[in-house]
Amino acid sequence: MGSAGATLLRFLLLASVVAGFAAHLAAGEKDCYHERDSIMGICIGSIKKNAHYVPPSRACCSEVKKVDMPCVCRVLTATDERTVNPVKLVRCAHDCKVDLAIGSKCGTYTIGGPVPPSAHP
């Protein structure tokens, strides 16, 4: 293979690698871990596990309206759920006038209809 063939081979290899990364990014999940951390900090009074639900503060609702809540729910981990209750997170979003799609998940909780009036600890 001459130098033109080697160059073409390198180009094709590079193009396939770039295409693979582009496809991964297009199909990949949005990175909203910073948003999740922000909600967990600002709204902790409303979403804390093993505590009574407290209506969200103005600051909490402001943050809930600013972030991508479906993404925040998608990246909520089992470790996060040691601290926060996903049912309370859904209720908090609802109380802030941000409703999440029925059938979607928020951590381990599947949203299945009207938000429960009380999210037990």
N, C-alpha and C. Protein backbone atom coordinates (compact mmCIF):
# COMPACT_ATOMS: atom_id res chain seq x y z
N MET A 1 0.85 -1.16 0.00
CA MET A 1 0.00 0.00 0.00
C MET A 1 0.90 1.23 0.00
N GLY A 2 0.65 2.13 -0.94
CA GLY A 2 1.46 3.33 -1.03
C GLY A 2 1.08 4.33 0.03
N SER A 3 1.76 5.47 -0.01
CA SER A 3 1.50 6.48 1.02
C SER A 3 0.09 7.04 0.89
N ALA A 4 -0.45 7.11 -0.32
CA ALA A 4 -1.83 7.58 -0.50
C ALA A 4 -2.81 6.60 0.14
N GLY A 5 -2.54 5.30 -0.01
CA GLY A 5 -3.39 4.27 0.58
C GLY A 5 -3.33 4.31 2.10
N ALA A 6 -2.13 4.51 2.63
CA ALA A 6 -1.97 4.58 4.09
C ALA A 6 -2.68 5.81 4.64
N THR A 7 -2.58 6.91 3.92
CA THR A 7 -3.24 8.14 4.34
C THR A 7 -4.76 7.96 4.33
N LEU A 8 -5.26 7.32 3.26
CA LEU A 8 -6.69 7.06 3.17
C LEU A 8 -7.16 6.15 4.30
N LEU A 9 -6.37 5.13 4.59
CA LEU A 9 -6.71 4.21 5.68
C LEU A 9 -6.76 4.94 7.02
N ARG A 10 -5.78 5.80 7.27
CA ARG A 10 -5.76 6.59 8.51
C ARG A 10 -6.98 7.51 8.58
N PHE A 11 -7.30 8.14 7.45
CA PHE A 11 -8.45 9.03 7.40
C PHE A 11 -9.74 8.28 7.71
N LEU A 12 -9.92 7.11 7.09
CA LEU A 12 -11.13 6.32 7.31
C LEU A 12 -11.22 5.85 8.76
N LEU A 13 -10.10 5.46 9.33
CA LEU A 13 -10.08 5.05 10.73
C LEU A 13 -10.47 6.21 11.64
N LEU A 14 -9.89 7.37 11.39
CA LEU A 14 -10.20 8.56 12.18
C LEU A 14 -11.68 8.94 12.01
N ALA A 15 -12.18 8.89 10.78
CA ALA A 15 -13.58 9.24 10.52
C ALA A 15 -14.53 8.30 11.26
N SER A 16 -14.20 7.01 11.30
CA SER A 16 -15.08 6.07 12.00
C SER A 16 -15.06 6.30 13.50
N VAL A 17 -13.91 6.66 14.04
CA VAL A 17 -13.82 6.96 15.48
C VAL A 17 -14.64 8.20 15.81
N VAL A 18 -14.50 9.25 14.99
CA VAL A 18 -15.25 10.48 15.21
C VAL A 18 -16.75 10.21 15.08
N ALA A 19 -17.15 9.44 14.07
CA ALA A 19 -18.56 9.11 13.88
C ALA A 19 -19.10 8.34 15.09
N GLY A 20 -18.30 7.45 15.63
CA GLY A 20 -18.71 6.69 16.81
C GLY A 20 -18.94 7.59 18.00
N PHE A 21 -18.05 8.56 18.21
CA PHE A 21 -18.23 9.50 19.31
C PHE A 21 -19.46 10.37 19.09
N ALA A 22 -19.67 10.82 17.86
CA ALA A 22 -20.82 11.67 17.56
C ALA A 22 -22.12 10.92 17.81
N ALA A 23 -22.17 9.65 17.40
CA ALA A 23 -23.38 8.86 17.62
C ALA A 23 -23.62 8.66 19.11
N HIS A 24 -22.54 8.43 19.86
CA HIS A 24 -22.67 8.25 21.30
C HIS A 24 -23.21 9.51 21.95
N LEU A 25 -22.71 10.67 21.54
CA LEU A 25 -23.17 11.92 22.12
C LEU A 25 -24.62 12.20 21.75
N ALA A 26 -25.00 11.88 20.52
CA ALA A 26 -26.36 12.14 20.08
C ALA A 26 -27.35 11.26 20.83
N ALA A 27 -26.99 10.01 21.06
CA ALA A 27 -27.89 9.08 21.74
C ALA A 27 -27.71 9.13 23.25
N GLY A 28 -26.64 9.74 23.70
CA GLY A 28 -26.31 9.72 25.12
C GLY A 28 -27.21 10.61 25.95
N GLU A 29 -27.11 10.42 27.23
CA GLU A 29 -27.92 11.15 28.19
C GLU A 29 -27.30 12.51 28.44
N LYS A 30 -28.15 13.51 28.56
CA LYS A 30 -27.68 14.84 28.90
C LYS A 30 -27.04 14.79 30.28
N ASP A 31 -25.98 15.53 30.43
CA ASP A 31 -25.30 15.58 31.73
C ASP A 31 -25.98 16.64 32.59
N CYS A 32 -26.77 16.19 33.56
CA CYS A 32 -27.45 17.15 34.43
C CYS A 32 -27.18 16.81 35.90
N TYR A 33 -26.03 16.24 36.16
CA TYR A 33 -25.68 15.88 37.53
C TYR A 33 -25.54 17.12 38.41
N HIS A 34 -25.03 18.20 37.82
CA HIS A 34 -24.90 19.45 38.57
C HIS A 34 -26.29 19.98 38.95
N GLU A 35 -27.25 19.86 38.02
CA GLU A 35 -28.62 20.28 38.30
C GLU A 35 -29.23 19.43 39.41
N ARG A 36 -28.99 18.11 39.36
CA ARG A 36 -29.50 17.22 40.40
C ARG A 36 -28.94 17.64 41.76
N ASP A 37 -27.64 17.89 41.81
CA ASP A 37 -27.01 18.29 43.07
C ASP A 37 -27.59 19.61 43.58
N SER A 38 -27.87 20.52 42.66
CA SER A 38 -28.44 21.80 43.04
C SER A 38 -29.83 21.62 43.65
N ILE A 39 -30.67 20.81 43.00
CA ILE A 39 -32.02 20.53 43.53
C ILE A 39 -31.92 19.85 44.89
N MET A 40 -31.01 18.88 45.01
CA MET A 40 -30.87 18.17 46.28
C MET A 40 -30.43 19.10 47.40
N GLY A 41 -29.68 20.13 47.08
CA GLY A 41 -29.24 21.08 48.09
C GLY A 41 -30.31 22.10 48.44
N ILE A 42 -30.85 22.76 47.41
CA ILE A 42 -31.80 23.85 47.63
C ILE A 42 -33.16 23.34 48.12
N CYS A 43 -33.57 22.17 47.67
CA CYS A 43 -34.91 21.66 47.99
C CYS A 43 -34.92 20.59 49.08
N ILE A 44 -33.81 20.38 49.76
CA ILE A 44 -33.71 19.27 50.71
C ILE A 44 -34.80 19.31 51.77
N GLY A 45 -35.24 20.50 52.17
CA GLY A 45 -36.29 20.61 53.18
C GLY A 45 -37.60 19.95 52.75
N SER A 46 -37.84 19.90 51.45
CA SER A 46 -39.06 19.30 50.92
C SER A 46 -38.91 17.84 50.54
N ILE A 47 -37.72 17.44 50.14
CA ILE A 47 -37.54 16.11 49.54
C ILE A 47 -36.76 15.13 50.40
N LYS A 48 -36.42 15.55 51.61
CA LYS A 48 -35.60 14.70 52.47
C LYS A 48 -36.32 13.41 52.84
N LYS A 49 -35.59 12.32 52.78
CA LYS A 49 -36.12 11.02 53.15
C LYS A 49 -36.31 10.97 54.67
N ASN A 50 -37.29 10.21 55.12
CA ASN A 50 -37.58 10.02 56.55
C ASN A 50 -37.89 11.32 57.28
N ALA A 51 -38.55 12.23 56.58
CA ALA A 51 -39.01 13.48 57.18
C ALA A 51 -40.37 13.80 56.56
N HIS A 52 -41.16 14.61 57.23
CA HIS A 52 -42.45 15.00 56.68
C HIS A 52 -42.23 15.93 55.49
N TYR A 53 -43.11 15.83 54.51
CA TYR A 53 -43.03 16.71 53.35
C TYR A 53 -43.36 18.13 53.77
N VAL A 54 -42.55 19.06 53.31
CA VAL A 54 -42.74 20.48 53.55
C VAL A 54 -42.88 21.14 52.19
N PRO A 55 -43.88 22.00 51.99
CA PRO A 55 -44.00 22.67 50.69
C PRO A 55 -42.69 23.37 50.33
N PRO A 56 -42.36 23.36 49.04
CA PRO A 56 -41.08 23.94 48.61
C PRO A 56 -41.01 25.45 48.81
N SER A 57 -39.81 25.92 49.07
CA SER A 57 -39.57 27.35 49.22
C SER A 57 -39.57 28.02 47.84
N ARG A 58 -39.61 29.34 47.83
CA ARG A 58 -39.51 30.08 46.56
C ARG A 58 -38.21 29.76 45.85
N ALA A 59 -37.13 29.69 46.62
CA ALA A 59 -35.82 29.39 46.02
C ALA A 59 -35.83 28.01 45.38
N CYS A 60 -36.45 27.06 46.06
CA CYS A 60 -36.54 25.70 45.53
C CYS A 60 -37.34 25.72 44.23
N CYS A 61 -38.51 26.34 44.23
CA CYS A 61 -39.33 26.38 43.01
C CYS A 61 -38.62 27.09 41.87
N SER A 62 -37.90 28.13 42.20
CA SER A 62 -37.15 28.84 41.17
C SER A 62 -36.14 27.90 40.50
N GLU A 63 -35.47 27.11 41.31
CA GLU A 63 -34.48 26.15 40.79
C GLU A 63 -35.17 25.03 40.01
N VAL A 64 -36.28 24.52 40.53
CA VAL A 64 -37.03 23.45 39.85
C VAL A 64 -37.45 23.91 38.46
N LYS A 65 -37.89 25.16 38.35
CA LYS A 65 -38.33 25.69 37.05
C LYS A 65 -37.16 25.93 36.10
N LYS A 66 -35.99 26.12 36.66
CA LYS A 66 -34.81 26.44 35.84
C LYS A 66 -34.15 25.19 35.26
N VAL A 67 -34.17 24.09 35.99
CA VAL A 67 -33.44 22.88 35.57
C VAL A 67 -34.31 21.98 34.71
N ASP A 68 -33.70 20.96 34.14
CA ASP A 68 -34.40 19.94 33.35
C ASP A 68 -34.80 18.82 34.31
N MET A 69 -36.01 18.93 34.89
CA MET A 69 -36.43 17.96 35.91
C MET A 69 -36.50 16.52 35.40
N PRO A 70 -36.97 16.26 34.17
CA PRO A 70 -36.94 14.86 33.70
C PRO A 70 -35.52 14.29 33.71
N CYS A 71 -34.54 15.11 33.35
CA CYS A 71 -33.15 14.66 33.38
C CYS A 71 -32.69 14.45 34.82
N VAL A 72 -33.04 15.37 35.71
CA VAL A 72 -32.68 15.23 37.12
C VAL A 72 -33.22 13.90 37.64
N CYS A 73 -34.46 13.59 37.30
CA CYS A 73 -35.06 12.32 37.74
C CYS A 73 -34.34 11.12 37.15
N ARG A 74 -33.93 11.22 35.88
CA ARG A 74 -33.24 10.09 35.23
C ARG A 74 -31.90 9.78 35.88
N VAL A 75 -31.22 10.81 36.38
CA VAL A 75 -29.88 10.58 36.95
C VAL A 75 -29.91 10.38 38.47
N LEU A 76 -31.09 10.37 39.07
CA LEU A 76 -31.21 10.13 40.51
C LEU A 76 -30.83 8.67 40.79
N THR A 77 -29.84 8.46 41.64
CA THR A 77 -29.31 7.12 41.89
C THR A 77 -29.84 6.54 43.21
N ALA A 78 -29.57 5.26 43.39
CA ALA A 78 -29.93 4.60 44.65
C ALA A 78 -29.20 5.26 45.82
N THR A 79 -27.99 5.70 45.58
CA THR A 79 -27.23 6.41 46.62
C THR A 79 -27.93 7.72 46.98
N ASP A 80 -28.41 8.45 45.96
CA ASP A 80 -29.15 9.69 46.22
C ASP A 80 -30.40 9.40 47.05
N GLU A 81 -31.03 8.26 46.77
CA GLU A 81 -32.28 7.91 47.45
C GLU A 81 -32.07 7.52 48.90
N ARG A 82 -30.85 7.44 49.34
CA ARG A 82 -30.60 7.28 50.78
C ARG A 82 -30.88 8.59 51.50
N THR A 83 -30.81 9.70 50.75
CA THR A 83 -31.00 11.03 51.30
C THR A 83 -32.34 11.63 50.93
N VAL A 84 -32.77 11.43 49.68
CA VAL A 84 -34.00 12.05 49.20
C VAL A 84 -35.03 11.00 48.80
N ASN A 85 -36.29 11.37 48.91
CA ASN A 85 -37.40 10.51 48.55
C ASN A 85 -37.88 10.91 47.15
N PRO A 86 -37.81 10.01 46.16
CA PRO A 86 -38.20 10.39 44.80
C PRO A 86 -39.67 10.78 44.67
N VAL A 87 -40.54 10.20 45.50
CA VAL A 87 -41.96 10.57 45.47
C VAL A 87 -42.09 12.04 45.90
N LYS A 88 -41.35 12.42 46.93
CA LYS A 88 -41.37 13.81 47.38
C LYS A 88 -40.78 14.74 46.32
N LEU A 89 -39.78 14.28 45.59
CA LEU A 89 -39.19 15.09 44.53
C LEU A 89 -40.23 15.37 43.44
N VAL A 90 -41.01 14.34 43.08
CA VAL A 90 -42.07 14.52 42.08
C VAL A 90 -43.13 15.48 42.62
N ARG A 91 -43.50 15.32 43.88
CA ARG A 91 -44.50 16.22 44.48
C ARG A 91 -43.97 17.64 44.54
N CYS A 92 -42.72 17.79 44.89
CA CYS A 92 -42.08 19.10 44.95
C CYS A 92 -42.15 19.77 43.57
N ALA A 93 -41.79 19.03 42.54
CA ALA A 93 -41.86 19.57 41.17
C ALA A 93 -43.29 19.98 40.85
N HIS A 94 -44.25 19.13 41.18
CA HIS A 94 -45.67 19.42 40.93
C HIS A 94 -46.10 20.69 41.66
N ASP A 95 -45.72 20.81 42.93
CA ASP A 95 -46.07 21.99 43.71
C ASP A 95 -45.45 23.26 43.14
N CYS A 96 -44.36 23.10 42.41
CA CYS A 96 -43.68 24.23 41.75
C CYS A 96 -44.20 24.43 40.33
N LYS A 97 -45.28 23.74 39.98
CA LYS A 97 -45.93 23.84 38.66
C LYS A 97 -45.08 23.25 37.54
N VAL A 98 -44.30 22.23 37.87
CA VAL A 98 -43.53 21.49 36.86
C VAL A 98 -43.96 20.03 36.98
N ASP A 99 -44.80 19.60 36.06
CA ASP A 99 -45.29 18.22 36.10
C ASP A 99 -44.41 17.33 35.23
N LEU A 100 -44.21 16.12 35.71
CA LEU A 100 -43.41 15.12 35.00
C LEU A 100 -44.34 14.13 34.33
N ALA A 101 -43.90 13.57 33.23
CA ALA A 101 -44.75 12.70 32.41
C ALA A 101 -45.15 11.42 33.14
N ILE A 102 -46.42 11.08 33.04
CA ILE A 102 -46.91 9.82 33.59
C ILE A 102 -46.19 8.68 32.87
N GLY A 103 -45.74 7.71 33.65
CA GLY A 103 -45.00 6.57 33.09
C GLY A 103 -43.50 6.76 33.10
N SER A 104 -43.05 8.01 33.30
CA SER A 104 -41.60 8.24 33.40
C SER A 104 -41.13 7.88 34.80
N LYS A 105 -39.84 7.80 34.96
CA LYS A 105 -39.28 7.42 36.26
C LYS A 105 -38.58 8.60 36.89
N CYS A 106 -38.64 8.62 38.20
CA CYS A 106 -37.86 9.57 38.98
C CYS A 106 -37.11 8.71 39.99
N GLY A 107 -35.85 8.44 39.68
CA GLY A 107 -35.11 7.47 40.48
C GLY A 107 -35.78 6.12 40.32
N THR A 108 -36.15 5.49 41.43
CA THR A 108 -36.80 4.18 41.38
C THR A 108 -38.33 4.29 41.32
N TYR A 109 -38.85 5.49 41.42
CA TYR A 109 -40.30 5.71 41.43
C TYR A 109 -40.81 5.91 40.01
N THR A 110 -41.84 5.15 39.65
CA THR A 110 -42.50 5.33 38.36
C THR A 110 -43.72 6.20 38.56
N ILE A 111 -43.78 7.30 37.84
CA ILE A 111 -44.88 8.25 37.97
C ILE A 111 -46.10 7.62 37.32
N GLY A 112 -47.15 7.46 38.10
CA GLY A 112 -48.29 6.70 37.62
C GLY A 112 -49.62 7.39 37.71
N GLY A 113 -49.69 8.67 37.64
CA GLY A 113 -50.97 9.36 37.72
C GLY A 113 -50.84 10.61 38.55
N PRO A 114 -51.96 11.07 39.09
CA PRO A 114 -51.90 12.28 39.92
C PRO A 114 -50.90 12.11 41.06
N VAL A 115 -50.22 13.18 41.37
CA VAL A 115 -49.23 13.15 42.45
C VAL A 115 -49.95 12.89 43.76
N PRO A 116 -49.44 11.94 44.56
CA PRO A 116 -50.07 11.64 45.84
C PRO A 116 -50.15 12.89 46.72
N PRO A 117 -51.27 13.08 47.43
CA PRO A 117 -51.41 14.27 48.27
C PRO A 117 -50.39 14.34 49.39
N SER A 118 -49.94 13.19 49.85
CA SER A 118 -48.90 13.22 50.87
C SER A 118 -47.84 12.20 50.52
N ALA A 119 -46.63 12.65 50.55
CA ALA A 119 -45.50 11.75 50.27
C ALA A 119 -44.94 11.33 51.62
N HIS A 120 -45.22 10.13 51.98
CA HIS A 120 -44.79 9.64 53.30
C HIS A 120 -43.28 9.49 53.35
N PRO A 121 -42.70 9.67 54.55
CA PRO A 121 -41.25 9.55 54.69
C PRO A 121 -40.69 8.25 54.28
